[in-house]
Amino acid sequence: MADNIADGRRAARPFWRWVRRIATLVLLAVSFTVLIALGTWQVHRLQWKEELLSDIAERRAMAPVGVDKLGAVLASGDDVDYRPVNVSGTFDHAHEQYFFATHDGEPGYYVYTPLKLAGSEFIFVNRGFVPYDRKEPATRMTGQVAGEVTVTGLARSRLDGKPSMMVPENDLAKNIFYWKDLDAMTAHAGLTKGRVLQFFIDANDAPNPGGLPIGGVTQFDFPNNHLQYAVTWYGLAATLAVVVAIFWFRERKSGSEK
């Protein structure tokens, strides 16, 4: 009886050994496939990022146009982001909206001010940065220019939703925005949505009276580490393949010597 049990156990060992080997091979194949897929995805992201940067550079080189033309471009379904624009109107300083930001490492706010255009339309202009302790207009009255002004800058697309779960909710009670919610800015400023153009303008770096706000705050330095990520994933895949090959070679050599 005992001999029969022992024989059964010995017979089962090769079976479970093959099961473990097959499971290991499947796991290695899946791991290798995932690593290759991640590397390929980063290559596609690299191509997308390079095309985006090239497109932005091409748009920035365009001649400035009026908001009416950009409105037509937007209505046609094309993107207006980073297109140069000229616009004239009167600032409604009483309804500034504040976007939390940093400038040269200093915390503060971008000042988004409604600009009343000829007729009854408005557009929000990011006039630039003010330090944290200069948020209140009373601390920088020299820069609150009156009368008709002409703003030159770049059009910026609106966001249709919060860009990330990590971004805090906008604090309307304190008039502090953490993401550019045009609808919320419009309502908080007491404006009618139908009278507000559906994109922003980032003013250029032309100095404002008194030095504030500091214009020209548009960001162009986009991180582009996709090549590094692709090399990392492909490198891990290659390392895995080498390790498996070495293990297989040693196991086969060990088996042939028995």
C-alpha atoms as a PDB file:
ATOM      1  CA  MET A   1       0.000   0.000   0.000  1.00  0.00           C
ATOM      2  CA  ALA A   2       2.737   2.394   0.996  1.00  0.00           C
ATOM      3  CA  ASP A   3       4.671   1.515  -2.171  1.00  0.00           C
ATOM      4  CA  ASN A   4       1.647   2.351  -4.304  1.00  0.00           C
ATOM      5  CA  ILE A   5       1.270   5.783  -2.653  1.00  0.00           C
ATOM      6  CA  ALA A   6       4.965   6.522  -3.157  1.00  0.00           C
ATOM      7  CA  ASP A   7       4.764   5.472  -6.801  1.00  0.00           C
ATOM      8  CA  GLY A   8       1.755   7.766  -7.267  1.00  0.00           C
ATOM      9  CA  ARG A   9       3.603  10.714  -5.758  1.00  0.00           C
ATOM     10  CA  ARG A  10       6.625  10.121  -7.974  1.00  0.00           C
ATOM     11  CA  ALA A  11       4.375   9.948 -11.020  1.00  0.00           C
ATOM     12  CA  ALA A  12       2.662  13.207 -10.063  1.00  0.00           C
ATOM     13  CA  ARG A  13       5.903  15.149  -9.697  1.00  0.00           C
ATOM     14  CA  PRO A  14       6.657  15.458 -13.455  1.00  0.00           C
ATOM     15  CA  PHE A  15       3.076  16.577 -14.064  1.00  0.00           C
ATOM     16  CA  TRP A  16       3.208  19.418 -11.530  1.00  0.00           C
ATOM     17  CA  ARG A  17       6.692  20.327 -12.698  1.00  0.00           C
ATOM     18  CA  TRP A  18       5.320  20.858 -16.204  1.00  0.00           C
ATOM     19  CA  VAL A  19       2.370  22.819 -14.816  1.00  0.00           C
ATOM     20  CA  ARG A  20       4.770  25.172 -12.998  1.00  0.00           C
ATOM     21  CA  ARG A  21       6.903  25.557 -16.097  1.00  0.00           C
ATOM     22  CA  ILE A  22       3.932  26.371 -18.298  1.00  0.00           C
ATOM     23  CA  ALA A  23       2.577  28.850 -15.727  1.00  0.00           C
ATOM     24  CA  THR A  24       6.005  30.491 -15.516  1.00  0.00           C
ATOM     25  CA  LEU A  25       6.268  30.731 -19.308  1.00  0.00           C
ATOM     26  CA  VAL A  26       2.796  32.266 -19.531  1.00  0.00           C
ATOM     27  CA  LEU A  27       3.660  34.813 -16.827  1.00  0.00           C
ATOM     28  CA  LEU A  28       6.925  35.718 -18.541  1.00  0.00           C
ATOM     29  CA  ALA A  29       5.223  36.027 -21.932  1.00  0.00           C
ATOM     30  CA  VAL A  30       2.538  38.309 -20.476  1.00  0.00           C
ATOM     31  CA  SER A  31       5.148  40.427 -18.681  1.00  0.00           C
ATOM     32  CA  PHE A  32       7.248  40.752 -21.838  1.00  0.00           C
ATOM     33  CA  THR A  33       4.177  41.684 -23.902  1.00  0.00           C
ATOM     34  CA  VAL A  34       3.101  44.325 -21.372  1.00  0.00           C
ATOM     35  CA  LEU A  35       6.578  45.896 -21.310  1.00  0.00           C
ATOM     36  CA  ILE A  36       6.737  46.030 -25.114  1.00  0.00           C
ATOM     37  CA  ALA A  37       3.213  47.509 -25.228  1.00  0.00           C
ATOM     38  CA  LEU A  38       4.144  50.222 -22.706  1.00  0.00           C
ATOM     39  CA  GLY A  39       7.255  51.111 -24.677  1.00  0.00           C
ATOM     40  CA  THR A  40       5.285  51.297 -27.930  1.00  0.00           C
ATOM     41  CA  TRP A  41       2.646  53.455 -26.257  1.00  0.00           C
ATOM     42  CA  GLN A  42       5.366  55.901 -25.185  1.00  0.00           C
ATOM     43  CA  VAL A  43       6.684  56.004 -28.762  1.00  0.00           C
ATOM     44  CA  HIS A  44       3.199  56.977 -29.952  1.00  0.00           C
ATOM     45  CA  ARG A  45       3.010  59.587 -27.171  1.00  0.00           C
ATOM     46  CA  LEU A  46       6.376  60.955 -28.281  1.00  0.00           C
ATOM     47  CA  GLN A  47       5.126  61.345 -31.852  1.00  0.00           C
ATOM     48  CA  TRP A  48       1.955  63.035 -30.592  1.00  0.00           C
ATOM     49  CA  LYS A  49       3.918  65.435 -28.334  1.00  0.00           C
ATOM     50  CA  GLU A  50       6.337  66.398 -31.112  1.00  0.00           C
ATOM     51  CA  GLU A  51       3.449  67.075 -33.492  1.00  0.00           C
ATOM     52  CA  LEU A  52       1.716  69.149 -30.791  1.00  0.00           C
ATOM     53  CA  LEU A  53       4.821  71.248 -30.120  1.00  0.00           C
ATOM     54  CA  SER A  54       5.336  71.783 -33.840  1.00  0.00           C
ATOM     55  CA  ASP A  55       1.702  72.806 -34.257  1.00  0.00           C
ATOM     56  CA  ILE A  56       1.904  75.260 -31.342  1.00  0.00           C
ATOM     57  CA  ALA A  57       5.073  76.815 -32.758  1.00  0.00           C
ATOM     58  CA  GLU A  58       3.359  77.197 -36.135  1.00  0.00           C
ATOM     59  CA  ARG A  59       0.318  78.866 -34.572  1.00  0.00           C
ATOM     60  CA  ARG A  60       2.413  81.259 -32.490  1.00  0.00           C
ATOM     61  CA  ALA A  61       4.150  82.438 -35.669  1.00  0.00           C
ATOM     62  CA  MET A  62       0.851  83.490 -37.241  1.00  0.00           C
ATOM     63  CA  ALA A  63      -0.094  87.161 -37.548  1.00  0.00           C
ATOM     64  CA  PRO A  64      -2.515  88.439 -34.878  1.00  0.00           C
ATOM     65  CA  VAL A  65      -6.185  88.466 -35.863  1.00  0.00           C
ATOM     66  CA  GLY A  66      -9.371  89.771 -34.271  1.00  0.00           C
ATOM     67  CA  VAL A  67     -11.611  87.789 -31.954  1.00  0.00           C
ATOM     68  CA  ASP A  68     -14.339  87.685 -34.596  1.00  0.00           C
ATOM     69  CA  LYS A  69     -12.094  85.658 -36.884  1.00  0.00           C
ATOM     70  CA  LEU A  70     -11.067  83.340 -34.046  1.00  0.00           C
ATOM     71  CA  GLY A  71     -14.719  82.921 -33.149  1.00  0.00           C
ATOM     72  CA  ALA A  72     -15.363  81.741 -36.706  1.00  0.00           C
ATOM     73  CA  VAL A  73     -12.400  79.350 -36.478  1.00  0.00           C
ATOM     74  CA  LEU A  74     -13.785  77.945 -33.223  1.00  0.00           C
ATOM     75  CA  ALA A  75     -17.271  77.612 -34.708  1.00  0.00           C
ATOM     76  CA  SER A  76     -15.832  75.606 -37.593  1.00  0.00           C
ATOM     77  CA  GLY A  77     -14.472  73.048 -35.141  1.00  0.00           C
ATOM     78  CA  ASP A  78     -10.803  74.051 -35.403  1.00  0.00           C
ATOM     79  CA  ASP A  79      -8.608  74.780 -32.410  1.00  0.00           C
ATOM     80  CA  VAL A  80      -7.782  78.401 -31.514  1.00  0.00           C
ATOM     81  CA  ASP A  81      -5.276  77.556 -28.782  1.00  0.00           C
ATOM     82  CA  TYR A  82      -2.071  79.656 -28.972  1.00  0.00           C
ATOM     83  CA  ARG A  83      -3.214  81.718 -31.967  1.00  0.00           C
ATOM     84  CA  PRO A  84      -2.126  85.391 -31.736  1.00  0.00           C
ATOM     85  CA  VAL A  85      -4.997  87.827 -31.294  1.00  0.00           C
ATOM     86  CA  ASN A  86      -5.663  91.562 -31.048  1.00  0.00           C
ATOM     87  CA  VAL A  87      -8.741  92.886 -29.265  1.00  0.00           C
ATOM     88  CA  SER A  88      -9.964  96.271 -28.061  1.00  0.00           C
ATOM     89  CA  GLY A  89     -12.427  96.978 -25.285  1.00  0.00           C
ATOM     90  CA  THR A  90     -12.863  98.158 -21.710  1.00  0.00           C
ATOM     91  CA  PHE A  91     -11.823  96.163 -18.669  1.00  0.00           C
ATOM     92  CA  ASP A  92     -14.441  95.365 -16.044  1.00  0.00           C
ATOM     93  CA  HIS A  93     -12.026  95.368 -13.099  1.00  0.00           C
ATOM     94  CA  ALA A  94     -14.837  94.989 -10.559  1.00  0.00           C
ATOM     95  CA  HIS A  95     -15.313  91.378 -11.658  1.00  0.00           C
ATOM     96  CA  GLU A  96     -11.765  90.048 -11.735  1.00  0.00           C
ATOM     97  CA  GLN A  97     -11.402  86.286 -11.274  1.00  0.00           C
ATOM     98  CA  TYR A  98      -8.271  84.789  -9.715  1.00  0.00           C
ATOM     99  CA  PHE A  99      -6.491  81.622 -10.817  1.00  0.00           C
ATOM    100  CA  PHE A 100      -4.003  80.232  -8.306  1.00  0.00           C
ATOM    101  CA  ALA A 101      -0.538  80.056  -9.903  1.00  0.00           C
ATOM    102  CA  THR A 102       3.180  80.561  -9.398  1.00  0.00           C
ATOM    103  CA  HIS A 103       5.551  82.828 -11.263  1.00  0.00           C
ATOM    104  CA  ASP A 104       9.326  82.433 -10.965  1.00  0.00           C
ATOM    105  CA  GLY A 105       8.707  80.301  -7.894  1.00  0.00           C
ATOM    106  CA  GLU A 106       6.504  82.892  -6.163  1.00  0.00           C
ATOM    107  CA  PRO A 107       2.900  81.969  -5.275  1.00  0.00           C
ATOM    108  CA  GLY A 108       0.100  84.234  -6.373  1.00  0.00           C
ATOM    109  CA  TYR A 109      -2.667  84.532  -8.929  1.00  0.00           C
ATOM    110  CA  TYR A 110      -3.351  85.082 -12.589  1.00  0.00           C
ATOM    111  CA  VAL A 111      -5.875  87.880 -12.936  1.00  0.00           C
ATOM    112  CA  TYR A 112      -8.695  87.037 -15.356  1.00  0.00           C
ATOM    113  CA  THR A 113     -10.577  90.224 -16.157  1.00  0.00           C
ATOM    114  CA  PRO A 114     -13.701  90.510 -18.334  1.00  0.00           C
ATOM    115  CA  LEU A 115     -13.039  92.777 -21.315  1.00  0.00           C
ATOM    116  CA  LYS A 116     -16.168  94.403 -22.692  1.00  0.00           C
ATOM    117  CA  LEU A 117     -16.043  94.488 -26.466  1.00  0.00           C
ATOM    118  CA  ALA A 118     -17.878  96.753 -28.869  1.00  0.00           C
ATOM    119  CA  GLY A 119     -21.504  95.789 -28.566  1.00  0.00           C
ATOM    120  CA  SER A 120     -22.510  93.568 -25.670  1.00  0.00           C
ATOM    121  CA  GLU A 121     -19.939  90.741 -25.726  1.00  0.00           C
ATOM    122  CA  PHE A 122     -17.181  90.001 -23.206  1.00  0.00           C
ATOM    123  CA  ILE A 123     -14.018  87.933 -23.214  1.00  0.00           C
ATOM    124  CA  PHE A 124     -11.915  86.952 -20.211  1.00  0.00           C
ATOM    125  CA  VAL A 125      -8.333  88.195 -20.458  1.00  0.00           C
ATOM    126  CA  ASN A 126      -5.557  86.708 -18.358  1.00  0.00           C
ATOM    127  CA  ARG A 127      -3.779  89.989 -17.679  1.00  0.00           C
ATOM    128  CA  GLY A 128      -0.957  88.223 -15.880  1.00  0.00           C
ATOM    129  CA  PHE A 129       0.453  87.417 -12.456  1.00  0.00           C
ATOM    130  CA  VAL A 130       0.125  89.223  -9.133  1.00  0.00           C
ATOM    131  CA  PRO A 131       1.834  88.074  -5.905  1.00  0.00           C
ATOM    132  CA  TYR A 132      -0.210  86.419  -3.188  1.00  0.00           C
ATOM    133  CA  ASP A 133      -0.406  89.591  -1.092  1.00  0.00           C
ATOM    134  CA  ARG A 134      -1.414  91.757  -4.071  1.00  0.00           C
ATOM    135  CA  LYS A 135      -4.604  89.901  -4.955  1.00  0.00           C
ATOM    136  CA  GLU A 136      -6.869  92.747  -3.847  1.00  0.00           C
ATOM    137  CA  PRO A 137      -7.199  95.436  -6.542  1.00  0.00           C
ATOM    138  CA  ALA A 138      -6.797  98.165  -3.911  1.00  0.00           C
ATOM    139  CA  THR A 139      -3.124  97.119  -3.523  1.00  0.00           C
ATOM    140  CA  ARG A 140      -2.361  97.753  -7.219  1.00  0.00           C
ATOM    141  CA  MET A 141      -4.707 100.496  -8.357  1.00  0.00           C
ATOM    142  CA  THR A 142      -2.187 101.956 -10.800  1.00  0.00           C
ATOM    143  CA  GLY A 143      -2.542  98.850 -12.964  1.00  0.00           C
ATOM    144  CA  GLN A 144      -6.350  99.049 -13.095  1.00  0.00           C
ATOM    145  CA  VAL A 145      -6.359 100.913 -16.403  1.00  0.00           C
ATOM    146  CA  ALA A 146      -9.550 102.752 -17.347  1.00  0.00           C
ATOM    147  CA  GLY A 147     -11.033 103.487 -20.734  1.00  0.00           C
ATOM    148  CA  GLU A 148     -10.573 101.599 -23.974  1.00  0.00           C
ATOM    149  CA  VAL A 149      -7.484  99.458 -24.254  1.00  0.00           C
ATOM    150  CA  THR A 150      -6.016  97.186 -26.911  1.00  0.00           C
ATOM    151  CA  VAL A 151      -4.803  93.781 -25.793  1.00  0.00           C
ATOM    152  CA  THR A 152      -2.404  91.652 -27.789  1.00  0.00           C
ATOM    153  CA  GLY A 153      -1.857  88.080 -26.733  1.00  0.00           C
ATOM    154  CA  LEU A 154      -2.603  84.447 -27.401  1.00  0.00           C
ATOM    155  CA  ALA A 155      -5.983  82.753 -27.550  1.00  0.00           C
ATOM    156  CA  ARG A 156      -6.386  79.886 -25.095  1.00  0.00           C
ATOM    157  CA  SER A 157      -9.003  77.167 -25.305  1.00  0.00           C
ATOM    158  CA  ARG A 158     -11.537  76.672 -22.554  1.00  0.00           C
ATOM    159  CA  LEU A 159     -11.642  73.465 -20.521  1.00  0.00           C
ATOM    160  CA  ASP A 160     -14.778  71.361 -20.549  1.00  0.00           C
ATOM    161  CA  GLY A 161     -13.974  69.715 -17.228  1.00  0.00           C
ATOM    162  CA  LYS A 162     -11.474  69.476 -14.393  1.00  0.00           C
ATOM    163  CA  PRO A 163      -8.209  68.257 -15.937  1.00  0.00           C
ATOM    164  CA  SER A 164      -7.377  65.821 -13.127  1.00  0.00           C
ATOM    165  CA  MET A 165      -8.790  64.316  -9.948  1.00  0.00           C
ATOM    166  CA  MET A 166      -5.731  65.755  -8.181  1.00  0.00           C
ATOM    167  CA  VAL A 167      -6.785  69.330  -8.971  1.00  0.00           C
ATOM    168  CA  PRO A 168      -8.788  70.919  -6.122  1.00  0.00           C
ATOM    169  CA  GLU A 169     -12.302  72.178  -6.647  1.00  0.00           C
ATOM    170  CA  ASN A 170     -12.604  75.879  -7.421  1.00  0.00           C
ATOM    171  CA  ASP A 171     -13.347  77.980  -4.332  1.00  0.00           C
ATOM    172  CA  LEU A 172     -15.970  80.422  -5.570  1.00  0.00           C
ATOM    173  CA  ALA A 173     -16.597  81.785  -2.078  1.00  0.00           C
ATOM    174  CA  LYS A 174     -13.010  83.093  -2.020  1.00  0.00           C
ATOM    175  CA  ASN A 175     -12.888  83.775  -5.762  1.00  0.00           C
ATOM    176  CA  ILE A 176      -9.991  81.360  -6.249  1.00  0.00           C
ATOM    177  CA  PHE A 177      -9.865  79.062  -9.281  1.00  0.00           C
ATOM    178  CA  TYR A 178      -7.647  75.992  -9.517  1.00  0.00           C
ATOM    179  CA  TRP A 179      -8.752  75.149 -13.040  1.00  0.00           C
ATOM    180  CA  LYS A 180     -10.084  77.421 -15.777  1.00  0.00           C
ATOM    181  CA  ASP A 181     -13.821  76.831 -15.585  1.00  0.00           C
ATOM    182  CA  LEU A 182     -15.133  79.448 -18.008  1.00  0.00           C
ATOM    183  CA  ASP A 183     -18.763  78.812 -17.135  1.00  0.00           C
ATOM    184  CA  ALA A 184     -18.059  79.272 -13.420  1.00  0.00           C
ATOM    185  CA  MET A 185     -16.045  82.438 -14.058  1.00  0.00           C
ATOM    186  CA  THR A 186     -18.878  83.773 -16.190  1.00  0.00           C
ATOM    187  CA  ALA A 187     -21.520  83.104 -13.543  1.00  0.00           C
ATOM    188  CA  HIS A 188     -19.320  84.391 -10.703  1.00  0.00           C
ATOM    189  CA  ALA A 189     -18.730  87.633 -12.604  1.00  0.00           C
ATOM    190  CA  GLY A 190     -22.483  88.041 -13.076  1.00  0.00           C
ATOM    191  CA  LEU A 191     -22.291  87.733 -16.844  1.00  0.00           C
ATOM    192  CA  THR A 192     -24.609  85.934 -19.229  1.00  0.00           C
ATOM    193  CA  LYS A 193     -23.018  82.884 -20.860  1.00  0.00           C
ATOM    194  CA  GLY A 194     -24.321  83.815 -24.301  1.00  0.00           C
ATOM    195  CA  ARG A 195     -22.501  87.140 -24.115  1.00  0.00           C
ATOM    196  CA  VAL A 196     -19.074  85.665 -23.251  1.00  0.00           C
ATOM    197  CA  LEU A 197     -16.761  84.400 -26.003  1.00  0.00           C
ATOM    198  CA  GLN A 198     -15.892  80.762 -25.431  1.00  0.00           C
ATOM    199  CA  PHE A 199     -12.129  81.098 -25.179  1.00  0.00           C
ATOM    200  CA  PHE A 200      -9.618  83.085 -23.154  1.00  0.00           C
ATOM    201  CA  ILE A 201      -6.833  85.480 -24.052  1.00  0.00           C
ATOM    202  CA  ASP A 202      -3.413  85.449 -22.377  1.00  0.00           C
ATOM    203  CA  ALA A 203      -2.081  89.003 -22.596  1.00  0.00           C
ATOM    204  CA  ASN A 204       1.483  89.427 -23.803  1.00  0.00           C
ATOM    205  CA  ASP A 205       4.326  90.815 -21.688  1.00  0.00           C
ATOM    206  CA  ALA A 206       3.675  94.491 -22.458  1.00  0.00           C
ATOM    207  CA  PRO A 207       4.181  96.243 -19.066  1.00  0.00           C
ATOM    208  CA  ASN A 208       1.100  97.342 -17.171  1.00  0.00           C
ATOM    209  CA  PRO A 209       1.150 100.659 -15.260  1.00  0.00           C
ATOM    210  CA  GLY A 210       2.723 100.098 -11.858  1.00  0.00           C
ATOM    211  CA  GLY A 211       4.178  96.776 -13.030  1.00  0.00           C
ATOM    212  CA  LEU A 212       1.177  94.633 -12.092  1.00  0.00           C
ATOM    213  CA  PRO A 213      -0.199  92.345 -13.326  1.00  0.00           C
ATOM    214  CA  ILE A 214       2.921  90.834 -14.929  1.00  0.00           C
ATOM    215  CA  GLY A 215       1.868  89.747 -18.411  1.00  0.00           C
ATOM    216  CA  GLY A 216       3.274  87.133 -20.756  1.00  0.00           C
ATOM    217  CA  VAL A 217       2.704  84.186 -18.425  1.00  0.00           C
ATOM    218  CA  THR A 218       1.685  81.623 -21.065  1.00  0.00           C
ATOM    219  CA  GLN A 219       3.516  78.334 -20.518  1.00  0.00           C
ATOM    220  CA  PHE A 220       5.301  76.730 -23.478  1.00  0.00           C
ATOM    221  CA  ASP A 221       7.712  74.431 -21.659  1.00  0.00           C
ATOM    222  CA  PHE A 222       5.843  71.151 -21.897  1.00  0.00           C
ATOM    223  CA  PRO A 223       7.514  68.056 -20.404  1.00  0.00           C
ATOM    224  CA  ASN A 224       8.556  65.636 -23.118  1.00  0.00           C
ATOM    225  CA  ASN A 225      10.094  62.589 -21.458  1.00  0.00           C
ATOM    226  CA  HIS A 226       8.378  59.995 -23.627  1.00  0.00           C
ATOM    227  CA  LEU A 227      11.610  58.866 -25.338  1.00  0.00           C
ATOM    228  CA  GLN A 228      13.184  58.228 -21.937  1.00  0.00           C
ATOM    229  CA  TYR A 229      10.110  56.272 -20.830  1.00  0.00           C
ATOM    230  CA  ALA A 230      10.086  54.248 -24.059  1.00  0.00           C
ATOM    231  CA  VAL A 231      13.764  53.334 -23.657  1.00  0.00           C
ATOM    232  CA  THR A 232      13.086  52.321 -20.042  1.00  0.00           C
ATOM    233  CA  TRP A 233      10.202  49.989 -20.924  1.00  0.00           C
ATOM    234  CA  TYR A 234      12.010  48.464 -23.902  1.00  0.00           C
ATOM    235  CA  GLY A 235      15.135  48.082 -21.745  1.00  0.00           C
ATOM    236  CA  LEU A 236      13.178  46.201 -19.096  1.00  0.00           C
ATOM    237  CA  ALA A 237      11.745  43.928 -21.795  1.00  0.00           C
ATOM    238  CA  ALA A 238      15.221  43.242 -23.152  1.00  0.00           C
ATOM    239  CA  THR A 239      16.550  42.561 -19.634  1.00  0.00           C
ATOM    240  CA  LEU A 240      13.730  40.113 -18.988  1.00  0.00           C
ATOM    241  CA  ALA A 241      14.464  38.312 -22.258  1.00  0.00           C
ATOM    242  CA  VAL A 242      18.185  38.052 -21.406  1.00  0.00           C
ATOM    243  CA  VAL A 243      17.497  36.734 -17.898  1.00  0.00           C
ATOM    244  CA  VAL A 244      15.103  34.102 -19.245  1.00  0.00           C
ATOM    245  CA  ALA A 245      17.593  33.068 -21.932  1.00  0.00           C
ATOM    246  CA  ILE A 246      20.405  32.693 -19.382  1.00  0.00           C
ATOM    247  CA  PHE A 247      18.171  30.659 -17.056  1.00  0.00           C
ATOM    248  CA  TRP A 248      17.014  28.424 -19.928  1.00  0.00           C
ATOM    249  CA  PHE A 249      20.602  27.892 -21.123  1.00  0.00           C
ATOM    250  CA  ARG A 250      21.839  26.971 -17.640  1.00  0.00           C
ATOM    251  CA  GLU A 251      18.915  24.609 -17.027  1.00  0.00           C
ATOM    252  CA  ARG A 252      19.462  22.881 -20.363  1.00  0.00           C
ATOM    253  CA  LYS A 253      23.188  22.579 -19.739  1.00  0.00           C
ATOM    254  CA  SER A 254      22.531  21.162 -16.273  1.00  0.00           C
ATOM    255  CA  GLY A 255      20.113  18.602 -17.716  1.00  0.00           C
ATOM    256  CA  SER A 256      22.555  17.442 -20.374  1.00  0.00           C
ATOM    257  CA  GLU A 257      25.268  16.823 -17.768  1.00  0.00           C
ATOM    258  CA  LYS A 258      23.086  14.449 -15.744  1.00  0.00           C
END
